[in-house]
N, C-alpha and C. Protein backbone atom coordinates (compact mmCIF):
# COMPACT_ATOMS: atom_id res chain seq x y z
N MET A 1 399.89 16.02 157.16
CA MET A 1 399.25 14.93 157.83
C MET A 1 399.91 14.64 159.16
N LYS A 2 401.26 14.73 159.16
CA LYS A 2 401.98 14.48 160.40
C LYS A 2 401.63 15.53 161.43
N LYS A 3 401.46 16.80 160.99
CA LYS A 3 401.11 17.87 161.92
C LYS A 3 399.73 17.62 162.51
N THR A 4 398.77 17.19 161.70
CA THR A 4 397.42 16.94 162.18
C THR A 4 397.41 15.78 163.15
N ALA A 5 398.14 14.72 162.85
CA ALA A 5 398.20 13.56 163.73
C ALA A 5 398.88 13.93 165.03
N MET A 6 399.93 14.73 164.95
CA MET A 6 400.66 15.15 166.14
C MET A 6 399.78 16.07 166.99
N SER A 7 399.07 16.98 166.35
CA SER A 7 398.17 17.88 167.09
C SER A 7 397.08 17.09 167.79
N LEU A 8 396.52 16.10 167.07
CA LEU A 8 395.48 15.27 167.65
C LEU A 8 396.01 14.48 168.85
N LEU A 9 397.21 14.00 168.75
CA LEU A 9 397.83 13.25 169.83
C LEU A 9 398.07 14.14 171.05
N VAL A 10 398.53 15.38 170.84
CA VAL A 10 398.78 16.33 171.94
C VAL A 10 397.47 16.72 172.61
N VAL A 11 396.42 16.99 171.80
CA VAL A 11 395.12 17.35 172.37
C VAL A 11 394.57 16.19 173.19
N THR A 12 394.69 14.96 172.68
CA THR A 12 394.21 13.79 173.41
C THR A 12 394.97 13.63 174.73
N ALA A 13 396.27 13.82 174.69
CA ALA A 13 397.08 13.70 175.91
C ALA A 13 396.68 14.77 176.94
N LEU A 14 396.46 16.00 176.47
CA LEU A 14 396.06 17.08 177.38
C LEU A 14 394.68 16.80 178.00
N LEU A 15 393.74 16.35 177.17
CA LEU A 15 392.41 16.01 177.70
C LEU A 15 392.48 14.87 178.70
N GLY A 16 393.29 13.88 178.41
CA GLY A 16 393.47 12.76 179.34
C GLY A 16 394.05 13.22 180.66
N SER A 17 395.04 14.09 180.58
CA SER A 17 395.65 14.63 181.80
C SER A 17 394.65 15.45 182.60
N LEU A 18 393.88 16.27 181.90
CA LEU A 18 392.88 17.11 182.55
C LEU A 18 391.81 16.27 183.24
N LEU A 19 391.32 15.23 182.56
CA LEU A 19 390.30 14.36 183.17
C LEU A 19 390.86 13.59 184.35
N THR A 20 392.09 13.14 184.25
CA THR A 20 392.71 12.41 185.36
C THR A 20 392.89 13.34 186.56
N ALA A 21 393.30 14.56 186.34
CA ALA A 21 393.49 15.52 187.43
C ALA A 21 392.16 15.85 188.09
N CYS A 22 391.10 16.04 187.30
CA CYS A 22 389.78 16.35 187.87
C CYS A 22 389.24 15.19 188.67
N SER A 23 389.37 13.98 188.14
CA SER A 23 388.84 12.83 188.88
C SER A 23 389.66 12.58 190.13
N GLY A 24 390.92 12.89 190.13
CA GLY A 24 391.75 12.76 191.33
C GLY A 24 391.29 13.70 192.42
N ASN A 25 390.95 14.95 192.06
CA ASN A 25 390.47 15.91 193.05
C ASN A 25 389.12 15.50 193.59
N ALA A 26 388.26 14.96 192.76
CA ALA A 26 386.94 14.53 193.23
C ALA A 26 387.08 13.42 194.26
N ASN A 27 387.99 12.50 194.01
CA ASN A 27 388.20 11.41 194.98
C ASN A 27 388.76 11.94 196.28
N ASN A 28 389.66 12.91 196.22
CA ASN A 28 390.22 13.48 197.43
C ASN A 28 389.18 14.24 198.23
N ASN A 29 388.26 14.92 197.56
CA ASN A 29 387.24 15.69 198.26
C ASN A 29 386.19 14.81 198.91
N SER A 30 385.94 13.64 198.34
CA SER A 30 384.90 12.80 198.90
C SER A 30 385.44 11.74 199.84
N ALA A 31 386.72 11.77 200.08
CA ALA A 31 387.31 10.78 200.97
C ALA A 31 386.77 10.95 202.38
N THR A 32 386.58 9.83 203.05
CA THR A 32 386.08 9.86 204.42
C THR A 32 387.23 10.21 205.35
N PRO A 33 387.03 11.15 206.26
CA PRO A 33 388.12 11.48 207.18
C PRO A 33 388.43 10.29 208.06
N PRO A 34 389.67 10.19 208.54
CA PRO A 34 390.03 9.06 209.38
C PRO A 34 389.21 9.08 210.67
N ALA A 35 388.95 7.89 211.19
CA ALA A 35 388.17 7.79 212.43
C ALA A 35 388.95 8.38 213.59
N THR A 36 388.22 8.97 214.52
CA THR A 36 388.86 9.52 215.72
C THR A 36 388.45 8.69 216.91
N ASN A 37 389.10 8.92 218.00
CA ASN A 37 388.79 8.19 219.23
C ASN A 37 387.81 8.96 220.09
N THR A 38 386.87 9.67 219.49
CA THR A 38 385.87 10.42 220.24
C THR A 38 384.87 9.44 220.84
N PRO A 39 384.65 9.51 222.16
CA PRO A 39 383.69 8.58 222.76
C PRO A 39 382.27 8.89 222.30
N ILE A 40 381.50 7.86 222.16
CA ILE A 40 380.10 8.00 221.77
C ILE A 40 379.26 7.87 223.02
N ALA A 41 378.32 8.81 223.21
CA ALA A 41 377.46 8.77 224.38
C ALA A 41 376.59 7.54 224.33
N SER A 42 376.34 6.92 225.50
CA SER A 42 375.53 5.72 225.54
C SER A 42 374.05 6.01 225.42
N GLU A 43 373.63 7.23 225.72
CA GLU A 43 372.23 7.61 225.60
C GLU A 43 372.09 8.62 224.49
N SER A 44 370.98 8.57 223.84
CA SER A 44 370.75 9.56 222.80
C SER A 44 370.65 10.94 223.43
N PRO A 45 371.13 11.97 222.72
CA PRO A 45 371.08 13.30 223.32
C PRO A 45 369.67 13.77 223.61
N THR A 46 368.58 13.77 224.74
CA THR A 46 367.02 14.16 225.24
C THR A 46 366.62 15.01 225.61
N PRO A 47 365.75 16.09 224.68
CA PRO A 47 365.13 16.69 224.59
C PRO A 47 365.23 17.85 225.13
N SER A 48 365.79 18.82 224.87
CA SER A 48 365.34 20.11 225.35
C SER A 48 364.07 20.45 224.62
N PRO A 49 363.38 21.48 225.02
CA PRO A 49 362.13 21.80 224.36
C PRO A 49 362.25 22.14 222.89
N SER A 50 363.44 22.41 222.41
CA SER A 50 363.60 22.73 220.99
C SER A 50 364.57 21.76 220.36
N PRO A 51 364.26 21.17 219.21
CA PRO A 51 365.18 20.23 218.59
C PRO A 51 366.49 20.87 218.20
N SER A 52 366.55 22.17 218.02
CA SER A 52 367.81 22.82 217.66
C SER A 52 368.67 23.08 218.89
N ASP A 53 368.14 22.89 220.07
CA ASP A 53 368.86 23.13 221.31
C ASP A 53 369.28 21.83 221.98
N GLU A 54 369.57 20.80 221.21
CA GLU A 54 369.91 19.52 221.81
C GLU A 54 371.20 19.65 222.61
N PRO A 55 371.21 19.15 223.83
CA PRO A 55 372.41 19.26 224.64
C PRO A 55 373.49 18.33 224.12
N ASN A 56 374.75 18.74 224.19
CA ASN A 56 375.85 17.87 223.78
C ASN A 56 376.70 17.49 224.98
N ASN A 57 376.25 17.81 226.17
CA ASN A 57 376.97 17.51 227.38
C ASN A 57 376.03 16.78 228.31
N THR A 58 376.43 15.58 228.74
CA THR A 58 375.54 14.81 229.61
C THR A 58 376.04 14.84 231.05
N GLU A 59 376.73 15.89 231.45
CA GLU A 59 377.24 16.01 232.81
C GLU A 59 376.09 16.02 233.81
N LYS A 60 376.28 15.26 234.87
CA LYS A 60 375.30 15.22 235.94
C LYS A 60 376.06 15.44 237.25
N PRO A 61 375.36 15.78 238.33
CA PRO A 61 376.05 16.00 239.59
C PRO A 61 376.87 14.80 240.05
N ASP A 62 376.49 13.60 239.67
CA ASP A 62 377.19 12.39 240.08
C ASP A 62 377.98 11.80 238.93
N ASP A 63 378.70 12.65 238.16
CA ASP A 63 379.34 12.18 236.93
C ASP A 63 380.45 11.17 237.17
N ASN A 64 380.86 10.92 238.41
CA ASN A 64 381.86 9.89 238.67
C ASN A 64 381.23 8.50 238.67
N ALA A 65 379.95 8.41 238.90
CA ALA A 65 379.26 7.12 238.91
C ALA A 65 378.91 6.71 237.49
N THR A 66 378.94 5.42 237.24
CA THR A 66 378.60 4.96 235.89
C THR A 66 377.11 5.05 235.66
N GLU A 67 376.33 4.70 236.68
CA GLU A 67 374.88 4.82 236.55
C GLU A 67 374.33 5.20 237.93
N SER A 68 373.71 6.35 238.00
CA SER A 68 373.19 6.83 239.27
C SER A 68 371.92 6.08 239.65
N SER A 69 371.49 6.24 240.88
CA SER A 69 370.26 5.58 241.31
C SER A 69 369.06 6.16 240.56
N THR A 70 369.11 7.46 240.21
CA THR A 70 368.00 8.04 239.44
C THR A 70 367.98 7.48 238.02
N ASP A 71 369.16 7.20 237.45
CA ASP A 71 369.22 6.55 236.13
C ASP A 71 368.58 5.16 236.20
N LYS A 72 368.89 4.43 237.27
CA LYS A 72 368.33 3.08 237.42
C LYS A 72 366.82 3.12 237.58
N ILE A 73 366.33 4.08 238.36
CA ILE A 73 364.89 4.22 238.54
C ILE A 73 364.22 4.55 237.20
N MET A 74 364.80 5.51 236.48
CA MET A 74 364.26 5.90 235.18
C MET A 74 364.24 4.71 234.22
N LYS A 75 365.34 3.97 234.20
CA LYS A 75 365.41 2.81 233.31
C LYS A 75 364.33 1.79 233.67
N ALA A 76 364.14 1.54 234.96
CA ALA A 76 363.10 0.59 235.38
C ALA A 76 361.72 1.07 234.96
N MET A 77 361.48 2.37 235.07
CA MET A 77 360.19 2.93 234.66
C MET A 77 359.97 2.74 233.17
N LEU A 78 360.98 3.10 232.37
CA LEU A 78 360.84 3.05 230.92
C LEU A 78 360.88 1.62 230.38
N ASP A 79 361.46 0.70 231.14
CA ASP A 79 361.39 -0.71 230.75
C ASP A 79 359.96 -1.23 230.87
N LYS A 80 359.23 -0.72 231.85
CA LYS A 80 357.85 -1.17 232.06
C LYS A 80 356.86 -0.41 231.19
N VAL A 81 357.11 0.90 230.98
CA VAL A 81 356.17 1.73 230.22
C VAL A 81 356.98 2.55 229.22
N GLU A 82 356.95 2.13 227.97
CA GLU A 82 357.72 2.81 226.92
C GLU A 82 357.16 4.22 226.66
N GLN A 83 358.06 5.17 226.45
CA GLN A 83 357.68 6.55 226.16
C GLN A 83 358.34 6.99 224.85
N PRO A 84 357.65 7.80 224.06
CA PRO A 84 358.18 8.20 222.75
C PRO A 84 359.22 9.32 222.85
N GLY A 85 360.25 9.26 222.03
CA GLY A 85 361.21 10.32 221.76
C GLY A 85 361.62 11.23 222.89
N LEU A 86 362.25 10.69 223.93
CA LEU A 86 362.71 11.53 225.03
C LEU A 86 364.22 11.66 224.99
N MET A 87 364.72 12.79 225.45
CA MET A 87 366.16 12.99 225.55
C MET A 87 366.51 13.52 226.94
N ASP A 88 367.76 13.34 227.33
CA ASP A 88 368.22 13.74 228.66
C ASP A 88 368.50 15.24 228.74
N LEU A 89 368.20 15.81 229.90
CA LEU A 89 368.62 17.18 230.20
C LEU A 89 369.94 17.12 230.95
N THR A 90 370.77 18.12 230.76
CA THR A 90 372.05 18.22 231.45
C THR A 90 371.88 19.10 232.69
N LYS A 91 372.96 19.27 233.43
CA LYS A 91 372.94 20.14 234.62
C LYS A 91 372.55 21.57 234.23
N ASP A 92 373.07 22.06 233.12
CA ASP A 92 372.71 23.41 232.66
C ASP A 92 371.23 23.51 232.34
N ASP A 93 370.68 22.46 231.74
CA ASP A 93 369.27 22.45 231.39
C ASP A 93 368.38 22.46 232.64
N ILE A 94 368.78 21.71 233.66
CA ILE A 94 367.96 21.66 234.87
C ILE A 94 367.91 23.05 235.49
N ASP A 95 369.02 23.78 235.45
CA ASP A 95 369.03 25.15 235.98
C ASP A 95 368.11 26.05 235.18
N THR A 96 368.03 25.83 233.87
CA THR A 96 367.22 26.67 233.00
C THR A 96 365.74 26.33 233.07
N TYR A 97 365.40 25.05 232.95
CA TYR A 97 364.00 24.67 232.82
C TYR A 97 363.29 24.43 234.15
N TYR A 98 364.03 23.99 235.15
CA TYR A 98 363.40 23.70 236.43
C TYR A 98 363.70 24.75 237.49
N VAL A 99 364.70 25.53 237.31
CA VAL A 99 365.11 26.56 238.26
C VAL A 99 365.24 25.94 239.66
N ILE A 100 365.83 24.78 239.71
CA ILE A 100 366.04 24.07 240.97
C ILE A 100 367.40 24.47 241.54
N ASN A 101 367.44 24.65 242.83
CA ASN A 101 368.71 24.88 243.53
C ASN A 101 369.46 23.55 243.52
N THR A 102 370.43 23.40 242.64
CA THR A 102 371.13 22.12 242.49
C THR A 102 371.97 21.77 243.71
N ASP A 103 372.19 22.72 244.61
CA ASP A 103 372.88 22.39 245.85
C ASP A 103 372.05 21.45 246.71
N LEU A 104 370.74 21.41 246.48
CA LEU A 104 369.85 20.54 247.24
C LEU A 104 369.72 19.15 246.62
N VAL A 105 370.25 19.01 245.40
CA VAL A 105 370.06 17.78 244.62
C VAL A 105 371.30 16.90 244.70
N ASP A 106 371.07 15.63 245.02
CA ASP A 106 372.15 14.66 245.05
C ASP A 106 372.36 14.07 243.66
N GLU A 107 371.27 13.64 243.02
CA GLU A 107 371.31 13.07 241.67
C GLU A 107 370.03 13.46 240.94
N PHE A 108 370.07 13.38 239.62
CA PHE A 108 368.86 13.60 238.84
C PHE A 108 368.96 12.92 237.49
N THR A 109 367.81 12.55 236.98
CA THR A 109 367.67 12.08 235.60
C THR A 109 366.37 12.69 235.10
N ILE A 110 366.48 13.50 234.05
CA ILE A 110 365.31 14.18 233.50
C ILE A 110 365.26 13.92 232.00
N LYS A 111 364.11 13.49 231.54
CA LYS A 111 363.91 13.25 230.12
C LYS A 111 362.76 14.11 229.64
N THR A 112 363.02 14.85 228.56
CA THR A 112 362.02 15.74 227.97
C THR A 112 361.83 15.35 226.51
N PRO A 113 360.78 15.85 225.87
CA PRO A 113 360.53 15.46 224.48
C PRO A 113 361.59 16.00 223.53
N ALA A 114 361.86 15.23 222.50
CA ALA A 114 362.82 15.64 221.49
C ALA A 114 362.25 16.72 220.58
N PHE A 115 360.93 16.86 220.55
CA PHE A 115 360.29 17.83 219.68
C PHE A 115 359.29 18.67 220.46
N ASN A 116 359.09 19.89 220.03
CA ASN A 116 358.19 20.83 220.71
C ASN A 116 356.72 20.45 220.64
N LEU A 117 356.35 19.45 219.89
CA LEU A 117 354.95 19.10 219.73
C LEU A 117 354.44 18.16 220.80
N SER A 118 355.29 17.76 221.72
CA SER A 118 354.91 16.84 222.78
C SER A 118 355.17 17.46 224.14
N ALA A 119 354.33 17.11 225.11
CA ALA A 119 354.50 17.63 226.47
C ALA A 119 355.10 16.57 227.40
N ASN A 120 355.26 15.34 226.91
CA ASN A 120 355.76 14.26 227.77
C ASN A 120 357.08 14.65 228.43
N GLU A 121 357.17 14.38 229.73
CA GLU A 121 358.37 14.74 230.47
C GLU A 121 358.42 13.89 231.73
N ILE A 122 359.61 13.40 232.06
CA ILE A 122 359.79 12.61 233.28
C ILE A 122 361.04 13.11 233.98
N ALA A 123 360.91 13.44 235.25
CA ALA A 123 362.06 13.87 236.05
C ALA A 123 362.09 13.05 237.33
N VAL A 124 363.25 12.45 237.62
CA VAL A 124 363.48 11.76 238.89
C VAL A 124 364.64 12.48 239.55
N ILE A 125 364.38 13.02 240.73
CA ILE A 125 365.40 13.81 241.44
C ILE A 125 365.59 13.21 242.82
N LYS A 126 366.84 12.99 243.18
CA LYS A 126 367.16 12.54 244.54
C LYS A 126 367.64 13.76 245.31
N VAL A 127 366.92 14.09 246.36
CA VAL A 127 367.23 15.25 247.20
C VAL A 127 368.25 14.83 248.25
N LYS A 128 369.22 15.71 248.52
CA LYS A 128 370.25 15.39 249.52
C LYS A 128 369.64 15.20 250.91
N ASP A 129 368.69 16.06 251.25
CA ASP A 129 368.07 16.01 252.57
C ASP A 129 366.56 16.08 252.40
N SER A 130 365.84 15.18 253.05
CA SER A 130 364.39 15.11 252.88
C SER A 130 363.68 16.39 253.31
N LYS A 131 364.32 17.23 254.11
CA LYS A 131 363.67 18.48 254.52
C LYS A 131 363.50 19.45 253.33
N HIS A 132 364.17 19.17 252.21
CA HIS A 132 364.07 20.04 251.02
C HIS A 132 363.09 19.51 249.98
N ILE A 133 362.41 18.41 250.28
CA ILE A 133 361.49 17.82 249.30
C ILE A 133 360.38 18.81 248.92
N ASP A 134 359.82 19.52 249.89
CA ASP A 134 358.74 20.46 249.57
C ASP A 134 359.22 21.57 248.64
N GLU A 135 360.44 22.03 248.84
CA GLU A 135 360.99 23.07 247.95
C GLU A 135 361.14 22.54 246.52
N ILE A 136 361.61 21.30 246.39
CA ILE A 136 361.76 20.69 245.06
C ILE A 136 360.38 20.49 244.43
N LYS A 137 359.40 20.08 245.21
CA LYS A 137 358.04 19.88 244.68
C LYS A 137 357.46 21.21 244.18
N LYS A 138 357.71 22.31 244.89
CA LYS A 138 357.22 23.62 244.43
C LYS A 138 357.86 23.99 243.10
N THR A 139 359.13 23.68 242.95
CA THR A 139 359.82 23.94 241.68
C THR A 139 359.19 23.12 240.56
N MET A 140 358.82 21.91 240.86
CA MET A 140 358.19 21.05 239.85
C MET A 140 356.78 21.54 239.52
N GLU A 141 356.07 22.06 240.49
CA GLU A 141 354.76 22.67 240.21
C GLU A 141 354.92 23.84 239.25
N GLN A 142 355.98 24.62 239.45
CA GLN A 142 356.26 25.74 238.55
C GLN A 142 356.58 25.22 237.15
N ARG A 143 357.32 24.12 237.08
CA ARG A 143 357.63 23.52 235.77
C ARG A 143 356.34 23.08 235.07
N GLY A 144 355.41 22.49 235.82
CA GLY A 144 354.12 22.09 235.24
C GLY A 144 353.38 23.29 234.67
N ALA A 145 353.38 24.39 235.41
CA ALA A 145 352.72 25.62 234.93
C ALA A 145 353.42 26.16 233.69
N ASP A 146 354.75 26.09 233.66
CA ASP A 146 355.51 26.58 232.50
C ASP A 146 355.19 25.76 231.25
N VAL A 147 355.11 24.45 231.40
CA VAL A 147 354.79 23.59 230.25
C VAL A 147 353.38 23.88 229.75
N GLN A 148 352.45 24.11 230.68
CA GLN A 148 351.08 24.45 230.28
C GLN A 148 351.07 25.74 229.46
N LYS A 149 351.82 26.74 229.90
CA LYS A 149 351.87 28.02 229.17
C LYS A 149 352.41 27.84 227.76
N MET A 150 353.36 26.92 227.60
CA MET A 150 353.94 26.69 226.27
C MET A 150 352.90 26.22 225.28
N PHE A 151 351.90 25.47 225.74
CA PHE A 151 350.95 24.83 224.83
C PHE A 151 349.55 25.43 224.85
N GLU A 152 349.21 26.24 225.83
CA GLU A 152 347.82 26.63 226.03
C GLU A 152 347.20 27.36 224.84
N ASN A 153 347.95 28.08 224.07
CA ASN A 153 347.37 28.86 222.98
C ASN A 153 347.46 28.21 221.61
N TYR A 154 348.18 27.08 221.49
CA TYR A 154 348.29 26.55 220.13
C TYR A 154 348.20 25.03 220.00
N LEU A 155 348.36 24.26 221.07
CA LEU A 155 348.21 22.80 220.95
C LEU A 155 347.37 22.28 222.12
N PRO A 156 346.09 22.02 221.89
CA PRO A 156 345.20 21.65 222.99
C PRO A 156 345.52 20.30 223.64
N GLU A 157 345.95 19.29 222.87
CA GLU A 157 346.21 17.97 223.45
C GLU A 157 347.40 18.00 224.43
N PRO A 158 348.57 18.53 224.02
CA PRO A 158 349.66 18.62 224.99
C PRO A 158 349.32 19.52 226.18
N TYR A 159 348.52 20.55 225.94
CA TYR A 159 348.11 21.45 227.03
C TYR A 159 347.28 20.67 228.05
N LYS A 160 346.33 19.90 227.57
CA LYS A 160 345.49 19.10 228.47
C LYS A 160 346.34 18.09 229.24
N LEU A 161 347.28 17.48 228.56
CA LEU A 161 348.18 16.52 229.20
C LEU A 161 349.01 17.20 230.30
N ALA A 162 349.53 18.39 229.99
CA ALA A 162 350.35 19.13 230.96
C ALA A 162 349.53 19.56 232.17
N GLN A 163 348.24 19.78 232.00
CA GLN A 163 347.39 20.15 233.13
C GLN A 163 347.26 19.01 234.13
N ASN A 164 347.50 17.79 233.68
CA ASN A 164 347.35 16.61 234.53
C ASN A 164 348.71 16.04 234.97
N TYR A 165 349.70 16.92 235.15
CA TYR A 165 351.01 16.43 235.58
C TYR A 165 350.90 15.80 236.97
N LYS A 166 351.89 14.97 237.29
CA LYS A 166 351.91 14.29 238.59
C LYS A 166 353.24 14.56 239.27
N ILE A 167 353.17 14.64 240.59
CA ILE A 167 354.36 14.73 241.43
C ILE A 167 354.19 13.66 242.50
N ALA A 168 355.23 12.84 242.69
CA ALA A 168 355.19 11.79 243.71
C ALA A 168 356.54 11.73 244.41
N THR A 169 356.53 11.21 245.63
CA THR A 169 357.78 11.06 246.38
C THR A 169 357.86 9.67 247.00
N VAL A 170 359.09 9.17 247.07
CA VAL A 170 359.41 7.96 247.81
C VAL A 170 360.76 8.21 248.45
N GLY A 171 360.80 8.27 249.78
CA GLY A 171 362.05 8.58 250.47
C GLY A 171 362.56 9.94 250.03
N ASN A 172 363.80 9.97 249.59
CA ASN A 172 364.40 11.23 249.11
C ASN A 172 364.24 11.42 247.60
N TYR A 173 363.47 10.58 246.95
CA TYR A 173 363.25 10.68 245.51
C TYR A 173 361.94 11.42 245.22
N VAL A 174 362.01 12.32 244.25
CA VAL A 174 360.84 13.08 243.83
C VAL A 174 360.66 12.85 242.33
N LEU A 175 359.42 12.59 241.95
CA LEU A 175 359.07 12.36 240.54
C LEU A 175 358.20 13.49 240.04
N PHE A 176 358.53 14.02 238.86
CA PHE A 176 357.66 14.93 238.13
C PHE A 176 357.35 14.24 236.81
N LEU A 177 356.08 14.25 236.41
CA LEU A 177 355.68 13.40 235.31
C LEU A 177 354.55 14.03 234.51
N ILE A 178 354.74 14.10 233.18
CA ILE A 178 353.68 14.44 232.24
C ILE A 178 353.67 13.33 231.20
N SER A 179 352.58 12.57 231.15
CA SER A 179 352.51 11.45 230.20
C SER A 179 351.09 10.94 230.09
N GLU A 180 350.79 10.35 228.94
CA GLU A 180 349.52 9.67 228.77
C GLU A 180 349.46 8.44 229.66
N SER A 181 350.62 7.92 230.03
CA SER A 181 350.73 6.71 230.86
C SER A 181 351.16 7.08 232.28
N ALA A 182 350.71 8.21 232.78
CA ALA A 182 351.17 8.73 234.07
C ALA A 182 350.94 7.76 235.22
N ASP A 183 349.78 7.13 235.27
CA ASP A 183 349.49 6.23 236.39
C ASP A 183 350.44 5.03 236.41
N GLU A 184 350.68 4.44 235.24
CA GLU A 184 351.57 3.29 235.15
C GLU A 184 353.01 3.69 235.47
N LEU A 185 353.45 4.85 234.97
CA LEU A 185 354.80 5.32 235.25
C LEU A 185 354.98 5.65 236.73
N GLU A 186 353.97 6.24 237.34
CA GLU A 186 354.06 6.56 238.77
C GLU A 186 354.19 5.27 239.59
N LYS A 187 353.43 4.26 239.23
CA LYS A 187 353.51 2.97 239.93
C LYS A 187 354.91 2.36 239.76
N ALA A 188 355.45 2.41 238.54
CA ALA A 188 356.79 1.88 238.28
C ALA A 188 357.84 2.66 239.06
N PHE A 189 357.67 3.99 239.17
CA PHE A 189 358.58 4.82 239.96
C PHE A 189 358.57 4.39 241.42
N LYS A 190 357.40 4.23 241.98
CA LYS A 190 357.28 3.88 243.40
C LYS A 190 357.93 2.53 243.69
N GLU A 191 357.75 1.57 242.79
CA GLU A 191 358.38 0.26 242.96
C GLU A 191 359.90 0.36 242.88
N ALA A 192 360.39 1.07 241.86
CA ALA A 192 361.84 1.17 241.66
C ALA A 192 362.50 2.00 242.75
N ALA A 193 361.88 3.10 243.16
CA ALA A 193 362.48 3.97 244.19
C ALA A 193 362.49 3.29 245.54
N ALA A 194 361.50 2.46 245.82
CA ALA A 194 361.43 1.76 247.10
C ALA A 194 362.58 0.78 247.26
N SER A 195 363.07 0.26 246.14
CA SER A 195 364.18 -0.71 246.20
C SER A 195 365.53 -0.09 245.85
N ALA A 196 365.57 1.22 245.66
CA ALA A 196 366.84 1.89 245.28
C ALA A 196 367.74 2.09 246.50
């Protein structure tokens, strides 16, 4: 009887130790890592044409400024006319999607859709010298044609929207715009750029 009681006690102790060890490892594996001092971007990461290609760098030509004049113009536009799910393009993105000679650009703010199912896009570019505005406008016309090609064979609504893109200028600012609210956004751009 003593052997059976002793064996039962040893087995119980071993099981208790085993369960305690397992639950200890589970707690260690699910522990939240300590917080880091990584800065959080103030704007949501916007839209490259593919949701898997979201930019993680928000570098702009005027990265020393807290808010560029193109950022202010864009904010004024979007405060007046809300747009769905847009994300910012970075300097690398502008080189890829717009093929703009960035040496001609003083500042830019470009927002594209977060998902491939939308054609909405807004670009505000400040040109260093007004003599280069026509070159920037030609690049934007090419961007309009590129967006149309993306949708022409499989999504008729975004394709139709892209066919009606707008380009406008105020001073050294150039606007490229694809939106259902294009007229209202263009008006907001002209007001904001005139006072920039």
